[in-house]
Structure formats: structure tokens, C-alpha cells
Protein backbone atom coordinates (compact mmCIF):
# COMPACT_ATOMS: atom_id res chain seq x y z
CA MET A 1 81.09 91.72 67.77
CA ARG A 2 80.07 94.67 69.71
CA PRO A 3 82.05 98.01 69.27
CA ALA A 4 84.38 98.91 72.07
CA VAL A 5 83.19 101.63 74.42
CA ILE A 6 85.94 103.74 76.09
CA GLN A 7 85.05 106.47 78.39
CA GLN A 8 87.82 108.92 79.51
CA PHE A 9 87.93 111.38 82.49
CA ASN A 10 90.15 113.95 83.70
CA LEU A 11 90.21 117.17 86.09
CA THR A 12 93.27 119.12 86.54
CA GLY A 13 94.17 122.13 88.49
CA GLN A 14 97.31 124.30 88.31
CA TYR A 15 98.91 126.60 90.85
CA GLN A 16 101.66 129.12 90.34
CA ILE A 17 104.06 129.28 93.27
CA ASP A 18 106.13 132.13 91.78
CA SER A 19 106.99 133.95 88.65
CA HIS A 20 109.02 130.89 87.46
CA THR A 21 107.40 127.78 89.11
CA THR A 22 104.06 125.95 88.75
CA VAL A 23 102.52 122.88 89.96
CA GLN A 24 99.83 120.84 88.39
CA ALA A 25 97.82 118.01 89.81
CA GLY A 26 94.92 116.14 88.41
CA TYR A 27 92.91 112.99 88.10
CA VAL A 28 93.05 111.00 84.87
CA GLY A 29 91.06 107.85 84.29
CA ASN A 30 89.20 105.77 81.65
CA ILE A 31 86.72 102.93 81.64
CA GLY A 32 86.53 100.33 78.78
CA GLN A 33 83.81 97.96 78.02
CA HIS A 34 83.18 95.44 75.16
CA LEU A 35 86.79 94.87 74.56
CA ALA A 36 87.89 92.09 72.10
CA VAL A 37 89.23 88.94 73.85
CA PRO A 38 89.85 85.53 72.45
CA ILE A 39 87.94 82.59 74.09
CA TRP A 40 88.76 78.90 73.96
CA ILE A 41 85.15 77.59 73.47
CA ASN A 42 86.25 74.12 72.94
CA GLN A 43 87.50 73.99 76.56
CA TYR A 44 86.82 70.72 78.42
CA SER A 45 83.94 70.83 80.83
CA GLU A 46 85.82 68.58 83.21
CA LEU A 47 89.07 67.09 83.79
CA PRO A 48 89.79 64.08 81.72
CA PRO A 49 91.00 60.84 83.59
CA SER A 50 94.14 59.08 82.57
CA THR A 51 92.02 56.28 80.87
CA CYS A 52 89.70 58.64 78.90
CA ASP A 53 88.34 57.19 75.52
CA VAL A 54 86.60 58.66 72.66
CA ASN A 55 83.22 58.34 74.35
CA PHE A 56 84.48 60.34 77.42
CA MET A 57 85.84 63.06 75.06
CA LEU A 58 82.51 63.44 73.29
CA ALA A 59 80.93 64.17 76.68
CA ILE A 60 83.49 66.70 77.82
CA GLU A 61 84.74 68.38 74.59
CA PRO A 62 81.94 70.65 72.85
CA TYR A 63 83.40 70.60 69.43
CA TYR A 64 85.00 67.11 69.50
CA THR A 65 83.02 65.84 66.29
CA LEU A 66 84.00 68.93 64.50
CA VAL A 67 87.79 69.28 65.09
CA GLY A 68 88.57 66.09 66.84
CA PRO A 69 90.56 65.49 70.05
CA GLY A 70 92.16 68.68 71.43
CA GLY A 71 91.19 70.69 68.39
CA ASP A 72 91.37 74.54 68.47
CA VAL A 73 88.01 76.46 68.38
CA ILE A 74 88.57 80.02 69.23
CA GLU A 75 85.98 82.86 69.26
CA THR A 76 86.76 86.52 69.37
CA ALA A 77 84.26 88.11 71.60
CA SER A 78 83.37 91.57 73.10
CA ARG A 79 83.24 90.58 76.62
CA ALA A 80 86.44 92.15 78.20
CA ILE A 81 86.64 95.32 80.55
CA THR A 82 89.21 97.52 81.81
CA ASN A 83 89.57 100.64 84.03
CA TYR A 84 92.38 103.01 84.87
CA HIS A 85 92.64 105.51 87.70
CA SER A 86 95.50 107.79 88.33
CA LEU A 87 96.83 110.78 90.29
CA GLN A 88 99.11 112.84 87.97
CA ALA A 89 101.17 115.75 89.24
CA THR A 90 103.78 118.07 87.45
CA LEU A 91 106.16 120.55 88.97
CA GLN A 92 107.78 122.84 86.30
CA ARG A 93 110.32 125.45 86.74
CA HIS A 94 111.18 127.79 83.76
CA GLN A 95 114.69 128.77 83.08
CA THR A 96 115.98 131.15 85.80
CA LYS A 97 119.43 131.42 87.11
CA GLY A 98 120.56 128.89 84.45
CA LEU A 99 118.17 126.24 85.90
CA GLU A 100 115.21 124.57 84.13
CA LEU A 101 113.31 121.75 85.81
CA LEU A 102 110.47 119.35 85.04
CA VAL A 103 109.28 116.71 87.42
CA ASN A 104 106.36 114.34 86.71
CA TYR A 105 104.75 111.92 89.28
CA THR A 106 102.03 109.24 88.55
CA LEU A 107 100.24 107.17 91.15
CA ALA A 108 97.93 104.79 89.16
CA LYS A 109 96.13 101.53 89.02
CA ASN A 110 94.82 99.62 85.93
CA LEU A 111 92.75 96.62 86.29
CA THR A 112 91.40 94.40 83.43
CA ASN A 113 90.55 90.82 82.23
CA ASN A 114 91.95 91.56 78.81
CA VAL A 115 95.64 90.73 78.57
CA GLY A 116 95.67 91.21 74.88
CA TYR A 117 96.89 88.77 72.26
CA TYR A 118 100.54 89.67 72.85
CA GLY A 119 100.79 90.80 76.49
CA VAL A 120 103.80 92.83 77.62
CA ASP A 121 107.00 92.01 75.67
CA GLY A 122 109.48 90.51 78.35
CA PHE A 123 107.13 90.90 81.28
CA GLY A 124 103.80 89.29 81.41
CA VAL A 125 103.30 85.65 81.39
CA ASP A 126 99.56 85.60 81.66
CA ASP A 127 97.70 83.80 78.92
CA SER A 128 95.68 85.70 76.23
CA PHE A 129 92.77 83.29 76.85
CA TRP A 130 90.81 83.29 80.04
CA GLN A 131 91.50 80.11 82.12
CA ASN A 132 87.86 79.32 82.53
CA ILE A 133 85.46 80.63 79.87
CA ASN A 134 82.70 80.55 82.38
CA ASN A 135 84.40 82.73 84.85
CA PRO A 136 85.82 85.89 83.39
CA ARG A 137 86.20 87.39 86.74
CA GLY A 138 88.79 84.96 87.53
CA ASP A 139 91.09 86.69 85.11
CA TYR A 140 90.44 90.15 86.39
CA GLY A 141 93.21 91.92 87.99
CA PRO A 142 96.03 94.25 87.61
CA SER A 143 97.19 94.54 83.90
CA SER A 144 100.69 93.40 82.75
CA PHE A 145 101.79 96.90 82.26
CA ASP A 146 100.22 98.25 85.68
CA VAL A 147 102.97 100.61 87.07
CA ARG A 148 101.65 101.69 90.46
CA GLN A 149 104.18 104.53 90.86
CA MET A 150 106.34 106.35 88.43
CA VAL A 151 108.56 109.46 88.78
CA SER A 152 110.32 111.05 85.58
CA ALA A 153 112.40 114.24 85.78
CA SER A 154 114.62 116.33 83.55
CA ALA A 155 116.78 119.18 84.32
CA VAL A 156 119.00 121.56 82.34
CA TYR A 157 121.54 123.80 84.25
CA GLY A 158 124.10 126.42 82.78
CA LEU A 159 127.00 126.07 84.83
CA PRO A 160 127.93 129.34 86.50
CA PHE A 161 131.44 129.60 85.04
CA GLY A 162 132.70 132.15 82.45
CA ARG A 163 132.67 135.75 81.60
CA GLY A 164 129.43 137.33 82.82
CA LYS A 165 128.83 134.38 85.19
CA LEU A 166 128.95 134.14 89.04
CA PHE A 167 132.47 132.62 88.80
CA GLY A 168 135.14 133.49 86.30
CA SER A 169 133.80 136.85 85.22
CA ARG A 170 137.27 138.06 84.71
CA TRP A 171 138.73 135.23 82.88
CA SER A 172 140.73 135.91 79.80
CA PRO A 173 139.01 135.09 76.30
CA ILE A 174 141.14 131.75 76.12
CA VAL A 175 140.45 130.55 79.43
CA ASP A 176 136.66 131.41 79.06
CA GLU A 177 136.67 129.64 75.83
CA ALA A 178 137.86 126.49 77.39
CA PHE A 179 135.97 126.39 80.72
CA GLY A 180 133.11 128.83 80.45
CA GLY A 181 129.71 128.28 78.99
CA TRP A 182 129.38 124.49 79.67
CA GLN A 183 125.77 123.12 80.25
CA TRP A 184 124.72 120.01 82.37
CA SER A 185 121.57 118.15 81.82
CA MET A 186 119.97 114.96 83.19
CA THR A 187 116.93 112.73 82.82
CA ALA A 188 115.85 110.22 85.33
CA ARG A 189 113.04 107.61 85.52
CA LEU A 190 111.97 105.57 88.53
CA ASN A 191 109.08 103.16 88.71
CA THR A 192 107.74 100.36 90.81
CA GLY A 193 107.62 96.69 89.55
CA LEU A 194 105.10 95.19 87.27
CA PRO A 195 102.42 92.70 88.47
CA MET A 196 103.21 88.97 88.30
CA SER A 197 100.77 86.05 88.30
CA VAL A 198 101.64 82.53 89.20
CA THR A 199 100.87 80.11 86.58
CA GLN A 200 101.38 76.41 85.77
CA SER A 201 102.68 74.76 82.47
CA PRO A 202 100.02 72.83 80.66
CA GLY A 203 99.70 69.16 81.58
CA ASN A 204 98.45 66.14 79.41
CA ASN A 205 96.08 64.04 81.37
CA CYS A 206 95.30 61.52 78.79
CA SER A 207 97.54 58.51 78.06
CA ASN A 208 95.94 56.91 75.13
CA ILE A 209 94.41 60.07 73.20
CA ASN A 210 95.91 63.18 72.02
CA CYS A 211 94.25 65.69 74.20
CA PRO A 212 95.73 68.95 75.70
CA GLY A 213 95.56 70.04 79.28
CA LEU A 214 92.28 71.27 80.90
CA ALA A 215 92.98 75.12 80.56
CA ASP A 216 94.41 75.65 77.04
CA TYR A 217 98.05 76.73 77.13
CA ILE A 218 98.60 78.22 80.64
CA SER A 219 96.51 78.08 83.73
CA HIS A 220 96.62 79.62 87.25
CA ALA A 221 98.25 77.73 90.00
CA ASN A 222 96.73 77.00 93.22
CA ARG A 223 97.38 79.28 96.28
CA TYR A 224 97.47 77.44 99.71
CA ALA A 225 99.29 79.93 101.86
CA PRO A 226 100.74 83.54 102.19
CA LEU A 227 104.15 83.97 100.47
CA GLU A 228 106.54 85.01 103.00
CA ILE A 229 109.47 86.91 101.52
CA ARG A 230 112.45 86.43 103.58
CA GLY A 231 116.18 86.25 102.54
CA ARG A 232 115.67 87.97 99.22
CA GLY A 233 119.00 88.19 97.48
CA THR A 234 121.67 86.07 95.88
CA VAL A 235 122.12 82.56 97.18
CA GLY A 236 124.86 80.28 95.51
CA GLY A 237 125.15 82.75 92.57
CA VAL A 238 121.42 82.90 91.87
CA PHE A 239 119.07 85.90 92.76
CA HIS A 240 116.00 84.69 94.52
CA TRP A 241 113.34 87.29 94.35
CA PHE A 242 110.82 85.39 96.75
CA GLY A 243 113.82 84.79 99.13
CA THR A 244 114.54 81.49 100.85
CA ASP A 245 111.39 80.98 103.09
CA PRO A 246 109.84 77.38 102.69
CA SER A 247 106.81 79.23 101.26
CA ALA A 248 108.64 80.31 98.18
CA VAL A 249 109.32 76.64 97.31
CA PRO A 250 106.45 75.32 94.92
CA CYS A 251 104.40 72.36 96.34
CA THR A 252 105.32 69.06 94.76
CA SER A 253 101.64 67.65 94.80
CA HIS A 254 98.80 68.17 92.60
CA TYR A 255 95.53 69.02 94.39
CA ASP A 256 92.01 70.12 93.63
CA PRO A 257 90.61 71.96 96.69
CA ALA A 258 86.95 71.90 95.44
CA SER A 259 86.75 68.26 94.96
CA GLY A 260 89.51 67.08 97.25
CA THR A 261 91.14 65.12 94.34
CA GLY A 262 94.93 64.49 94.59
CA THR A 263 97.40 65.04 97.47
CA ALA A 264 97.04 67.84 99.68
CA PRO A 265 100.34 69.98 100.01
CA THR A 266 102.50 70.02 102.98
CA GLY A 267 105.71 71.72 104.16
CA GLY A 268 104.12 75.29 104.22
CA CYS A 269 104.34 76.04 100.34
CA ALA A 270 102.51 78.92 99.11
CA TYR A 271 101.77 77.84 95.52
CA GLY A 272 101.53 74.53 93.83
CA ARG A 273 99.99 72.95 90.65
CA ALA A 274 96.28 72.56 90.25
CA LEU A 275 94.54 69.48 88.79
CA GLY A 276 91.70 71.68 87.55
CA PHE A 277 91.30 75.44 87.37
CA GLY A 278 93.89 77.28 89.85
CA ASP A 279 92.64 79.71 92.38
CA ALA A 280 95.80 82.03 92.31
CA GLY A 281 94.70 85.54 91.37
CA VAL A 282 96.04 87.60 88.49
CA GLY A 283 98.77 90.08 89.20
CA THR A 284 99.05 89.35 92.98
CA LEU A 285 102.77 89.73 93.06
CA ARG A 286 105.04 92.38 92.07
CA GLY A 287 108.46 92.31 90.28
CA PRO A 288 111.55 94.52 90.69
CA GLY A 289 111.37 98.20 90.20
CA PHE A 290 113.28 100.29 87.64
CA GLN A 291 115.72 103.06 88.01
CA ASP A 292 117.65 105.22 85.15
CA TYR A 293 119.75 108.20 85.19
CA ASP A 294 121.34 109.78 82.20
CA PHE A 295 123.75 112.80 82.40
CA SER A 296 125.34 115.00 79.78
CA LEU A 297 127.59 117.81 79.50
CA SER A 298 127.81 120.10 76.54
CA LYS A 299 129.34 123.32 75.14
CA ALA A 300 129.37 125.13 71.67
CA PHE A 301 132.58 126.48 70.77
CA GLN A 302 132.76 129.44 68.31
CA ILE A 303 135.00 128.85 65.44
CA VAL A 304 134.12 131.99 63.22
CA GLU A 305 131.13 134.13 63.24
CA SER A 306 128.83 131.70 61.75
CA GLN A 307 130.45 128.32 62.57
CA THR A 308 130.32 126.49 65.77
CA LEU A 309 131.78 123.21 67.21
CA LYS A 310 129.55 121.59 69.66
CA ALA A 311 131.13 119.00 72.16
CA ARG A 312 128.97 116.62 74.07
CA ILE A 313 129.67 113.97 76.71
CA ASP A 314 126.72 111.61 77.48
CA ALA A 315 126.57 109.13 80.20
CA PHE A 316 123.76 106.78 79.96
CA ASN A 317 122.68 104.75 83.17
CA ALA A 318 125.41 107.03 84.62
CA LEU A 319 125.14 105.38 88.08
CA ASN A 320 125.36 101.91 86.69
CA ILE A 321 122.28 100.61 88.36
CA ALA A 322 121.23 97.05 87.62
CA SER A 323 117.42 96.99 87.28
CA TYR A 324 116.51 93.33 87.30
CA GLY A 325 113.78 91.65 84.97
CA ASN A 326 110.98 89.67 86.48
CA PRO A 327 111.63 86.24 88.07
CA THR A 328 110.09 83.06 87.06
CA THR A 329 106.68 82.66 88.17
CA ARG A 330 105.48 79.49 86.19
CA ILE A 331 105.35 76.29 88.02
CA GLY A 332 106.31 73.14 86.24
CA GLY A 333 109.66 71.61 85.10
CA ASN A 334 112.62 72.67 87.25
CA ALA A 335 111.03 73.79 90.68
CA ALA A 336 114.24 75.39 91.55
CA SER A 337 113.81 78.09 89.00
CA PHE A 338 110.59 79.54 90.65
CA GLY A 339 111.32 83.05 91.84
CA VAL A 340 114.78 83.18 90.13
CA ILE A 341 115.85 86.32 88.28
CA GLY A 342 117.67 85.52 85.07
CA GLY A 343 118.86 88.85 83.96
CA THR A 344 118.47 92.56 83.86
CA ILE A 345 116.34 94.96 81.80
CA SER A 346 118.89 97.76 82.08
CA ALA A 347 121.94 98.40 79.94
CA PRO A 348 125.30 98.76 81.64
CA ARG A 349 126.88 102.29 81.97
CA GLN A 350 127.65 103.56 78.44
CA LEU A 351 129.84 106.82 77.79
CA GLN A 352 129.48 108.68 74.59
CA LEU A 353 131.61 111.46 73.17
CA SER A 354 130.25 113.44 70.05
CA LEU A 355 131.42 116.37 68.10
CA VAL A 356 128.91 118.44 65.89
CA TYR A 357 130.42 120.88 63.35
CA GLN A 358 127.65 123.55 62.45
CA PHE A 359 128.18 125.98 59.58
């Protein structure tokens, strides 16, 4: 094992617009080399035929005599790489006339051939292992957490109602205590979707000997044509992220373009199962984006000189926006599930009322 080498870079500039407002923008990036990655070194050197025997397995499985048919031999090597480049900008307005504001924007790209042992929970389906141990470049692409664009914002605003404010400056003490001095705040987060890879479930190509498929657990599918997204939406109660175009229906045939083995696909399908190593790239598709807006309204009521009662109303996901999870992108089993979104990653709107007594 070689120690990982991470190089980080940043260059930032700031400009003051006025006495209360500043804007900042900069480049932030890093390059990683010699990252740890698991390698399936007992991978078959070629596809086993349906009638393979022990002698054939001895020829195509490097460690057959050591671990037997389909045995696991995994090496952790320092061969993975990563790079991240981004433009990060911030607009900040310090409190003036009751308003305080902070807005952050990031435009970024993260490429790697190191998914990690666990990926991104609930999103990435890429395998921790390279599909082909002799072709690390084949698993190089957007990382599972590569969010291309993100905006986050927060704001706090003291409402201009009450004694000494723009409205209600002549209110009586009782009215002012009830309706004056309220503060509104919000947080927002918006980001584009995460990358997705089209993969295929493992297959068992031997009938008389216990052997796994050619490419450990998950391998890439084959890409035969562009995926045309038309008619995206709900059809028959099911949300189809890739739409209803014929290219969004997986091919039913198995084919190896390199050798011409198998049956070539027909019907305009974009992706299908591969007999050997698939050629579909990593992270070539994008899932749904995400939006969330939280609002709150609060006020501190003076009870006596040193005691207050703070009332707060919170609305989480206040606009009740449904942010969908990634669709199924694995080919195998039920073909009708390809491109189908099974749920959301956002909670429904929630309202919360709290009272805090301070003394």
C-alpha cells in the first residue's frame, strides 16, 4: 500500500458592494492519487461457457486451486484517483433595516474511479469493485455524490411592526406585546440530481459448477443507442423518470459487441445486458434534483424583568415539495422497473409549535 496523496487548491476574492453587503467568489479544488480501492483479483479472464468443467475453470480463474470455484480473493491496492473542481460564490448582507441574508452557490464537478466500500447511502448503485481489473479507466466518471450545482440560502427578518418600527409605532403596550417584535426566518436548499450508472445484475453462466458471473457482483450494461427522454411523468400510477420512449425499455437480448457473440438488440433500446464487460459509462445519467424550504416565525414575550417566554412556529418543507429519489437503473429481473422511481427523499410538510420559558 502506498500512502494517499491529496493536493488541495483554492483562490478566493471578495468585494464589498456597500457598507452592509459583500460578495465573494473563488476556485476550490483537489486532486487525489494512490487512493485505496478493493480489487477482485480472482476475476475470470474470459466468459465461462455453459458447459465449463474443472479444467476450463483452472485456465480462466487465477486462484482456482487456492480457493476453489468462484472463491473470493480481494486485494486492497493504492491505485484509485479522484479530482474535484468548483466555483464557489457567496453573497452576504449583514443586518440592516431588520434583514440579514446569506446565499451560497456552488458549481462543481467530481470525477473518480473510487466509489468507496459503501458508496452513497440510498443513491449510488455502482459497485465498490472495478468491473474489469485490467481497465481502471472503465470505472472513471462522476462520483456518486457529484452534485453539479447547489444553492443554499438563509435569511432573518425582523418584521416592521411594533413600537419604534415602521408600522404600529403608536400601538398600545398590550397590542405591541401581542403583534410587535415578531421575527421571520427561512432556510432553503436546492441542488441538481446525482449521477446514475446503468448496471446489470450478476449472471451465472455455468450449469454444472458453482461459479459467479464474469464481473463480481455488479457490472456495467451495454449502451447501444442514445436514451431519448420523452413523456417523463406518471403513467399508470408509476413515475417513469426516463419517459415512455422505446429507447427507455431495456433490450431483451444478451450481446457482446466485441466478439459478436449473442443476439444483437433490435427495437431502438438504449441499454441491454452484456455477455462480458459492459461498455456503459459511469454516471452518464442524472437523477431528480432536490428542493427544501423551511420557514419559522418567533417572538420573545417579556414576562417580568428577567424572564421571557419565547414562542416559535416552524414549517419544515413549508411548500410541501416532493423531491424524488433516484429511479431503478439496474437491468435484470423485472424489466418494467427500469427507470421507475419508487419513492421520495423529502419528508412531507411538518408544522411545529414550541414554547420556551427562560428565567
